[in-house]
Amino acid sequence: MIIQWLGVFFAYVILDIVWAKYTLAIARNNKVPAAFWSAIVPVLSALVVIQYVTNPWLLIPMALGGAVGTWIAMST
């Protein structure tokens, strides 16, 4: 159970950082980096969705991971 929670948490931390990189690439009109990051977003999203569809309690670490990911992305 704790492994799933940690997996979802860190997957969302990474996903949120990837979203930030994608958004920055779009804002800067960098086509290749934007395309690269946009290819990663749906894969990571799908992996996490599969996890919390089977266990709605995993929405908690998902939300926390998103918050931490945003904080990290904004700090770098």
PDB file of N, CA and C in Angstrom:
ATOM      1  N   MET A   1       0.825  -1.203   0.000  1.00  0.00           N
ATOM      2  CA  MET A   1       0.000   0.000   0.000  1.00  0.00           C
ATOM      3  C   MET A   1       0.864   1.261   0.000  1.00  0.00           C
ATOM      4  N   ILE A   2       1.879   1.294   0.869  1.00  0.00           N
ATOM      5  CA  ILE A   2       2.741   2.484   0.943  1.00  0.00           C
ATOM      6  C   ILE A   2       3.537   2.655  -0.352  1.00  0.00           C
ATOM      7  N   ILE A   3       3.874   1.535  -0.994  1.00  0.00           N
ATOM      8  CA  ILE A   3       4.602   1.609  -2.265  1.00  0.00           C
ATOM      9  C   ILE A   3       3.728   2.294  -3.324  1.00  0.00           C
ATOM     10  N   GLN A   4       2.443   1.951  -3.362  1.00  0.00           N
ATOM     11  CA  GLN A   4       1.525   2.596  -4.304  1.00  0.00           C
ATOM     12  C   GLN A   4       1.407   4.091  -4.008  1.00  0.00           C
ATOM     13  N   TRP A   5       1.265   4.445  -2.739  1.00  0.00           N
ATOM     14  CA  TRP A   5       1.146   5.853  -2.359  1.00  0.00           C
ATOM     15  C   TRP A   5       2.393   6.627  -2.790  1.00  0.00           C
ATOM     16  N   LEU A   6       3.558   6.065  -2.506  1.00  0.00           N
ATOM     17  CA  LEU A   6       4.799   6.739  -2.885  1.00  0.00           C
ATOM     18  C   LEU A   6       4.950   6.812  -4.402  1.00  0.00           C
ATOM     19  N   GLY A   7       4.563   5.738  -5.078  1.00  0.00           N
ATOM     20  CA  GLY A   7       4.639   5.733  -6.535  1.00  0.00           C
ATOM     21  C   GLY A   7       3.779   6.810  -7.153  1.00  0.00           C
ATOM     22  N   VAL A   8       2.538   6.928  -6.678  1.00  0.00           N
ATOM     23  CA  VAL A   8       1.631   7.955  -7.198  1.00  0.00           C
ATOM     24  C   VAL A   8       2.152   9.349  -6.838  1.00  0.00           C
ATOM     25  N   PHE A   9       2.616   9.519  -5.613  1.00  0.00           N
ATOM     26  CA  PHE A   9       3.143  10.814  -5.180  1.00  0.00           C
ATOM     27  C   PHE A   9       4.285  11.271  -6.090  1.00  0.00           C
ATOM     28  N   PHE A  10       5.292  10.413  -6.251  1.00  0.00           N
ATOM     29  CA  PHE A  10       6.451  10.809  -7.053  1.00  0.00           C
ATOM     30  C   PHE A  10       6.132  10.900  -8.542  1.00  0.00           C
ATOM     31  N   ALA A  11       5.209  10.082  -9.016  1.00  0.00           N
ATOM     32  CA  ALA A  11       4.789  10.194 -10.412  1.00  0.00           C
ATOM     33  C   ALA A  11       4.152  11.551 -10.658  1.00  0.00           C
ATOM     34  N   TYR A  12       3.362  12.036  -9.705  1.00  0.00           N
ATOM     35  CA  TYR A  12       2.726  13.346  -9.886  1.00  0.00           C
ATOM     36  C   TYR A  12       3.703  14.493  -9.675  1.00  0.00           C
ATOM     37  N   VAL A  13       4.688  14.305  -8.829  1.00  0.00           N
ATOM     38  CA  VAL A  13       5.740  15.323  -8.717  1.00  0.00           C
ATOM     39  C   VAL A  13       6.411  15.475 -10.078  1.00  0.00           C
ATOM     40  N   ILE A  14       6.792  14.351 -10.664  1.00  0.00           N
ATOM     41  CA  ILE A  14       7.467  14.380 -11.963  1.00  0.00           C
ATOM     42  C   ILE A  14       6.527  14.905 -13.038  1.00  0.00           C
ATOM     43  N   LEU A  15       5.284  14.455 -13.021  1.00  0.00           N
ATOM     44  CA  LEU A  15       4.310  14.909 -14.022  1.00  0.00           C
ATOM     45  C   LEU A  15       4.114  16.417 -13.955  1.00  0.00           C
ATOM     46  N   ASP A  16       4.038  16.958 -12.769  1.00  0.00           N
ATOM     47  CA  ASP A  16       3.831  18.397 -12.637  1.00  0.00           C
ATOM     48  C   ASP A  16       5.046  19.173 -13.141  1.00  0.00           C
ATOM     49  N   ILE A  17       6.230  18.660 -12.885  1.00  0.00           N
ATOM     50  CA  ILE A  17       7.450  19.301 -13.399  1.00  0.00           C
ATOM     51  C   ILE A  17       7.464  19.245 -14.928  1.00  0.00           C
ATOM     52  N   VAL A  18       7.067  18.102 -15.488  1.00  0.00           N
ATOM     53  CA  VAL A  18       7.015  17.960 -16.939  1.00  0.00           C
ATOM     54  C   VAL A  18       6.006  18.936 -17.543  1.00  0.00           C
ATOM     55  N   TRP A  19       4.839  19.075 -16.900  1.00  0.00           N
ATOM     56  CA  TRP A  19       3.850  20.056 -17.380  1.00  0.00           C
ATOM     57  C   TRP A  19       4.440  21.467 -17.385  1.00  0.00           C
ATOM     58  N   ALA A  20       5.181  21.796 -16.337  1.00  0.00           N
ATOM     59  CA  ALA A  20       5.792  23.136 -16.263  1.00  0.00           C
ATOM     60  C   ALA A  20       6.804  23.326 -17.391  1.00  0.00           C
ATOM     61  N   LYS A  21       7.618  22.315 -17.649  1.00  0.00           N
ATOM     62  CA  LYS A  21       8.601  22.397 -18.737  1.00  0.00           C
ATOM     63  C   LYS A  21       7.891  22.548 -20.093  1.00  0.00           C
ATOM     64  N   TYR A  22       6.806  21.806 -20.254  1.00  0.00           N
ATOM     65  CA  TYR A  22       6.016  21.893 -21.489  1.00  0.00           C
ATOM     66  C   TYR A  22       5.444  23.300 -21.661  1.00  0.00           C
ATOM     67  N   THR A  23       4.860  23.826 -20.598  1.00  0.00           N
ATOM     68  CA  THR A  23       4.267  25.163 -20.653  1.00  0.00           C
ATOM     69  C   THR A  23       5.316  26.223 -20.965  1.00  0.00           C
ATOM     70  N   LEU A  24       6.481  26.111 -20.349  1.00  0.00           N
ATOM     71  CA  LEU A  24       7.563  27.058 -20.634  1.00  0.00           C
ATOM     72  C   LEU A  24       8.026  26.970 -22.086  1.00  0.00           C
ATOM     73  N   ALA A  25       8.140  25.750 -22.598  1.00  0.00           N
ATOM     74  CA  ALA A  25       8.563  25.574 -23.983  1.00  0.00           C
ATOM     75  C   ALA A  25       7.552  26.192 -24.948  1.00  0.00           C
ATOM     76  N   ILE A  26       6.266  26.021 -24.648  1.00  0.00           N
ATOM     77  CA  ILE A  26       5.217  26.620 -25.483  1.00  0.00           C
ATOM     78  C   ILE A  26       5.300  28.147 -25.410  1.00  0.00           C
ATOM     79  N   ALA A  27       5.443  28.665 -24.200  1.00  0.00           N
ATOM     80  CA  ALA A  27       5.503  30.125 -24.026  1.00  0.00           C
ATOM     81  C   ALA A  27       6.707  30.729 -24.750  1.00  0.00           C
ATOM     82  N   ARG A  28       7.796  29.985 -24.794  1.00  0.00           N
ATOM     83  CA  ARG A  28       9.008  30.475 -25.464  1.00  0.00           C
ATOM     84  C   ARG A  28       9.048  30.110 -26.941  1.00  0.00           C
ATOM     85  N   ASN A  29       8.007  29.446 -27.434  1.00  0.00           N
ATOM     86  CA  ASN A  29       7.896  29.024 -28.826  1.00  0.00           C
ATOM     87  C   ASN A  29       9.041  28.097 -29.238  1.00  0.00           C
ATOM     88  N   ASN A  30       9.450  27.232 -28.313  1.00  0.00           N
ATOM     89  CA  ASN A  30      10.474  26.217 -28.594  1.00  0.00           C
ATOM     90  C   ASN A  30       9.770  24.933 -29.014  1.00  0.00           C
ATOM     91  N   LYS A  31       9.708  24.692 -30.313  1.00  0.00           N
ATOM     92  CA  LYS A  31       8.905  23.596 -30.849  1.00  0.00           C
ATOM     93  C   LYS A  31       9.415  22.207 -30.454  1.00  0.00           C
ATOM     94  N   VAL A  32      10.707  21.973 -30.558  1.00  0.00           N
ATOM     95  CA  VAL A  32      11.241  20.634 -30.272  1.00  0.00           C
ATOM     96  C   VAL A  32      11.090  20.278 -28.793  1.00  0.00           C
ATOM     97  N   PRO A  33      11.502  21.148 -27.861  1.00  0.00           N
ATOM     98  CA  PRO A  33      11.276  20.801 -26.457  1.00  0.00           C
ATOM     99  C   PRO A  33       9.791  20.641 -26.124  1.00  0.00           C
ATOM    100  N   ALA A  34       8.945  21.477 -26.697  1.00  0.00           N
ATOM    101  CA  ALA A  34       7.506  21.365 -26.440  1.00  0.00           C
ATOM    102  C   ALA A  34       6.979  20.019 -26.930  1.00  0.00           C
ATOM    103  N   ALA A  35       7.422  19.605 -28.100  1.00  0.00           N
ATOM    104  CA  ALA A  35       6.993  18.309 -28.635  1.00  0.00           C
ATOM    105  C   ALA A  35       7.500  17.170 -27.753  1.00  0.00           C
ATOM    106  N   PHE A  36       8.732  17.281 -27.293  1.00  0.00           N
ATOM    107  CA  PHE A  36       9.299  16.248 -26.415  1.00  0.00           C
ATOM    108  C   PHE A  36       8.490  16.119 -25.128  1.00  0.00           C
ATOM    109  N   TRP A  37       8.258  17.241 -24.462  1.00  0.00           N
ATOM    110  CA  TRP A  37       7.515  17.204 -23.199  1.00  0.00           C
ATOM    111  C   TRP A  37       6.072  16.771 -23.413  1.00  0.00           C
ATOM    112  N   SER A  38       5.481  17.151 -24.547  1.00  0.00           N
ATOM    113  CA  SER A  38       4.090  16.762 -24.791  1.00  0.00           C
ATOM    114  C   SER A  38       3.953  15.265 -25.034  1.00  0.00           C
ATOM    115  N   ALA A  39       5.013  14.613 -25.444  1.00  0.00           N
ATOM    116  CA  ALA A  39       4.974  13.164 -25.613  1.00  0.00           C
ATOM    117  C   ALA A  39       5.024  12.440 -24.274  1.00  0.00           C
ATOM    118  N   ILE A  40       5.638  13.050 -23.289  1.00  0.00           N
ATOM    119  CA  ILE A  40       5.786  12.420 -21.974  1.00  0.00           C
ATOM    120  C   ILE A  40       4.536  12.597 -21.117  1.00  0.00           C
ATOM    121  N   VAL A  41       3.870  13.730 -21.246  1.00  0.00           N
ATOM    122  CA  VAL A  41       2.710  14.041 -20.402  1.00  0.00           C
ATOM    123  C   VAL A  41       1.628  12.960 -20.435  1.00  0.00           C
ATOM    124  N   PRO A  42       1.148  12.531 -21.594  1.00  0.00           N
ATOM    125  CA  PRO A  42       0.062  11.539 -21.573  1.00  0.00           C
ATOM    126  C   PRO A  42       0.485  10.181 -21.023  1.00  0.00           C
ATOM    127  N   VAL A  43       1.725   9.815 -21.225  1.00  0.00           N
ATOM    128  CA  VAL A  43       2.198   8.523 -20.702  1.00  0.00           C
ATOM    129  C   VAL A  43       2.192   8.542 -19.179  1.00  0.00           C
ATOM    130  N   LEU A  44       2.777   9.579 -18.594  1.00  0.00           N
ATOM    131  CA  LEU A  44       2.784   9.682 -17.133  1.00  0.00           C
ATOM    132  C   LEU A  44       1.367   9.804 -16.581  1.00  0.00           C
ATOM    133  N   SER A  45       0.548  10.590 -17.256  1.00  0.00           N
ATOM    134  CA  SER A  45      -0.844  10.750 -16.802  1.00  0.00           C
ATOM    135  C   SER A  45      -1.568   9.413 -16.793  1.00  0.00           C
ATOM    136  N   ALA A  46      -1.415   8.653 -17.842  1.00  0.00           N
ATOM    137  CA  ALA A  46      -2.097   7.363 -17.936  1.00  0.00           C
ATOM    138  C   ALA A  46      -1.630   6.404 -16.848  1.00  0.00           C
ATOM    139  N   LEU A  47      -0.346   6.394 -16.568  1.00  0.00           N
ATOM    140  CA  LEU A  47       0.165   5.505 -15.516  1.00  0.00           C
ATOM    141  C   LEU A  47      -0.457   5.817 -14.163  1.00  0.00           C
ATOM    142  N   VAL A  48      -0.588   7.086 -13.855  1.00  0.00           N
ATOM    143  CA  VAL A  48      -1.144   7.467 -12.563  1.00  0.00           C
ATOM    144  C   VAL A  48      -2.656   7.245 -12.533  1.00  0.00           C
ATOM    145  N   VAL A  49      -3.334   7.561 -13.621  1.00  0.00           N
ATOM    146  CA  VAL A  49      -4.788   7.366 -13.663  1.00  0.00           C
ATOM    147  C   VAL A  49      -5.132   5.891 -13.436  1.00  0.00           C
ATOM    148  N   ILE A  50      -4.380   5.008 -14.035  1.00  0.00           N
ATOM    149  CA  ILE A  50      -4.616   3.573 -13.844  1.00  0.00           C
ATOM    150  C   ILE A  50      -4.539   3.218 -12.360  1.00  0.00           C
ATOM    151  N   GLN A  51      -3.627   3.843 -11.639  1.00  0.00           N
ATOM    152  CA  GLN A  51      -3.468   3.546 -10.220  1.00  0.00           C
ATOM    153  C   GLN A  51      -4.649   4.030  -9.392  1.00  0.00           C
ATOM    154  N   TYR A  52      -5.060   5.292  -9.570  1.00  0.00           N
ATOM    155  CA  TYR A  52      -6.095   5.801  -8.669  1.00  0.00           C
ATOM    156  C   TYR A  52      -7.515   5.464  -9.111  1.00  0.00           C
ATOM    157  N   VAL A  53      -7.694   4.942 -10.311  1.00  0.00           N
ATOM    158  CA  VAL A  53      -9.018   4.464 -10.696  1.00  0.00           C
ATOM    159  C   VAL A  53      -9.362   3.222  -9.879  1.00  0.00           C
ATOM    160  N   THR A  54      -8.360   2.405  -9.594  1.00  0.00           N
ATOM    161  CA  THR A  54      -8.590   1.194  -8.804  1.00  0.00           C
ATOM    162  C   THR A  54      -8.635   1.480  -7.307  1.00  0.00           C
ATOM    163  N   ASN A  55      -8.095   2.609  -6.880  1.00  0.00           N
ATOM    164  CA  ASN A  55      -8.071   2.949  -5.461  1.00  0.00           C
ATOM    165  C   ASN A  55      -8.213   4.464  -5.306  1.00  0.00           C
ATOM    166  N   PRO A  56      -9.426   4.962  -5.029  1.00  0.00           N
ATOM    167  CA  PRO A  56      -9.623   6.415  -4.945  1.00  0.00           C
ATOM    168  C   PRO A  56      -8.842   7.085  -3.817  1.00  0.00           C
ATOM    169  N   TRP A  57      -8.374   6.333  -2.837  1.00  0.00           N
ATOM    170  CA  TRP A  57      -7.554   6.924  -1.771  1.00  0.00           C
ATOM    171  C   TRP A  57      -6.227   7.438  -2.309  1.00  0.00           C
ATOM    172  N   LEU A  58      -5.843   6.974  -3.479  1.00  0.00           N
ATOM    173  CA  LEU A  58      -4.594   7.447  -4.075  1.00  0.00           C
ATOM    174  C   LEU A  58      -4.704   8.869  -4.617  1.00  0.00           C
ATOM    175  N   LEU A  59      -5.910   9.437  -4.574  1.00  0.00           N
ATOM    176  CA  LEU A  59      -6.057  10.842  -4.949  1.00  0.00           C
ATOM    177  C   LEU A  59      -5.337  11.756  -3.951  1.00  0.00           C
ATOM    178  N   ILE A  60      -5.186  11.284  -2.723  1.00  0.00           N
ATOM    179  CA  ILE A  60      -4.492  12.093  -1.706  1.00  0.00           C
ATOM    180  C   ILE A  60      -3.020  12.286  -2.073  1.00  0.00           C
ATOM    181  N   PRO A  61      -2.253  11.198  -2.289  1.00  0.00           N
ATOM    182  CA  PRO A  61      -0.859  11.432  -2.680  1.00  0.00           C
ATOM    183  C   PRO A  61      -0.736  12.087  -4.052  1.00  0.00           C
ATOM    184  N   MET A  62      -1.746  11.903  -4.916  1.00  0.00           N
ATOM    185  CA  MET A  62      -1.732  12.568  -6.211  1.00  0.00           C
ATOM    186  C   MET A  62      -1.778  14.086  -6.022  1.00  0.00           C
ATOM    187  N   ALA A  63      -2.684  14.547  -5.179  1.00  0.00           N
ATOM    188  CA  ALA A  63      -2.814  15.985  -4.933  1.00  0.00           C
ATOM    189  C   ALA A  63      -1.562  16.543  -4.260  1.00  0.00           C
ATOM    190  N   LEU A  64      -1.037  15.814  -3.301  1.00  0.00           N
ATOM    191  CA  LEU A  64       0.186  16.262  -2.623  1.00  0.00           C
ATOM    192  C   LEU A  64       1.368  16.294  -3.588  1.00  0.00           C
ATOM    193  N   GLY A  65       1.464  15.283  -4.436  1.00  0.00           N
ATOM    194  CA  GLY A  65       2.539  15.244  -5.429  1.00  0.00           C
ATOM    195  C   GLY A  65       2.440  16.394  -6.404  1.00  0.00           C
ATOM    196  N   GLY A  66       1.217  16.732  -6.807  1.00  0.00           N
ATOM    197  CA  GLY A  66       1.026  17.872  -7.698  1.00  0.00           C
ATOM    198  C   GLY A  66       1.470  19.174  -7.060  1.00  0.00           C
ATOM    199  N   ALA A  67       1.155  19.340  -5.774  1.00  0.00           N
ATOM    200  CA  ALA A  67       1.558  20.553  -5.063  1.00  0.00           C
ATOM    201  C   ALA A  67       3.078  20.643  -4.945  1.00  0.00           C
ATOM    202  N   VAL A  68       3.703  19.541  -4.592  1.00  0.00           N
ATOM    203  CA  VAL A  68       5.171  19.522  -4.457  1.00  0.00           C
ATOM    204  C   VAL A  68       5.820  19.736  -5.822  1.00  0.00           C
ATOM    205  N   GLY A  69       5.273  19.103  -6.864  1.00  0.00           N
ATOM    206  CA  GLY A  69       5.822  19.275  -8.206  1.00  0.00           C
ATOM    207  C   GLY A  69       5.754  20.710  -8.679  1.00  0.00           C
ATOM    208  N   THR A  70       4.647  21.378  -8.400  1.00  0.00           N
ATOM    209  CA  THR A  70       4.526  22.789  -8.768  1.00  0.00           C
ATOM    210  C   THR A  70       5.532  23.633  -8.005  1.00  0.00           C
ATOM    211  N   TRP A  71       5.674  23.348  -6.723  1.00  0.00           N
ATOM    212  CA  TRP A  71       6.628  24.106  -5.909  1.00  0.00           C
ATOM    213  C   TRP A  71       8.047  23.928  -6.439  1.00  0.00           C
ATOM    214  N   ILE A  72       8.419  22.696  -6.779  1.00  0.00           N
ATOM    215  CA  ILE A  72       9.753  22.431  -7.310  1.00  0.00           C
ATOM    216  C   ILE A  72       9.940  23.126  -8.659  1.00  0.00           C
ATOM    217  N   ALA A  73       8.954  23.005  -9.537  1.00  0.00           N
ATOM    218  CA  ALA A  73       9.054  23.617 -10.862  1.00  0.00           C
ATOM    219  C   ALA A  73       9.169  25.139 -10.761  1.00  0.00           C
ATOM    220  N   MET A  74       8.463  25.735  -9.817  1.00  0.00           N
ATOM    221  CA  MET A  74       8.527  27.190  -9.673  1.00  0.00           C
ATOM    222  C   MET A  74       9.805  27.644  -8.983  1.00  0.00           C
ATOM    223  N   SER A  75      10.460  26.741  -8.265  1.00  0.00           N
ATOM    224  CA  SER A  75      11.682  27.083  -7.534  1.00  0.00           C
ATOM    225  C   SER A  75      12.935  26.984  -8.401  1.00  0.00           C
ATOM    226  N   THR A  76      12.821  26.285  -9.535  1.00  0.00           N
ATOM    227  CA  THR A  76      14.017  26.095 -10.355  1.00  0.00           C
ATOM    228  C   THR A  76      14.047  27.019 -11.530  1.00  0.00           C
TER     229      THR A  76
END
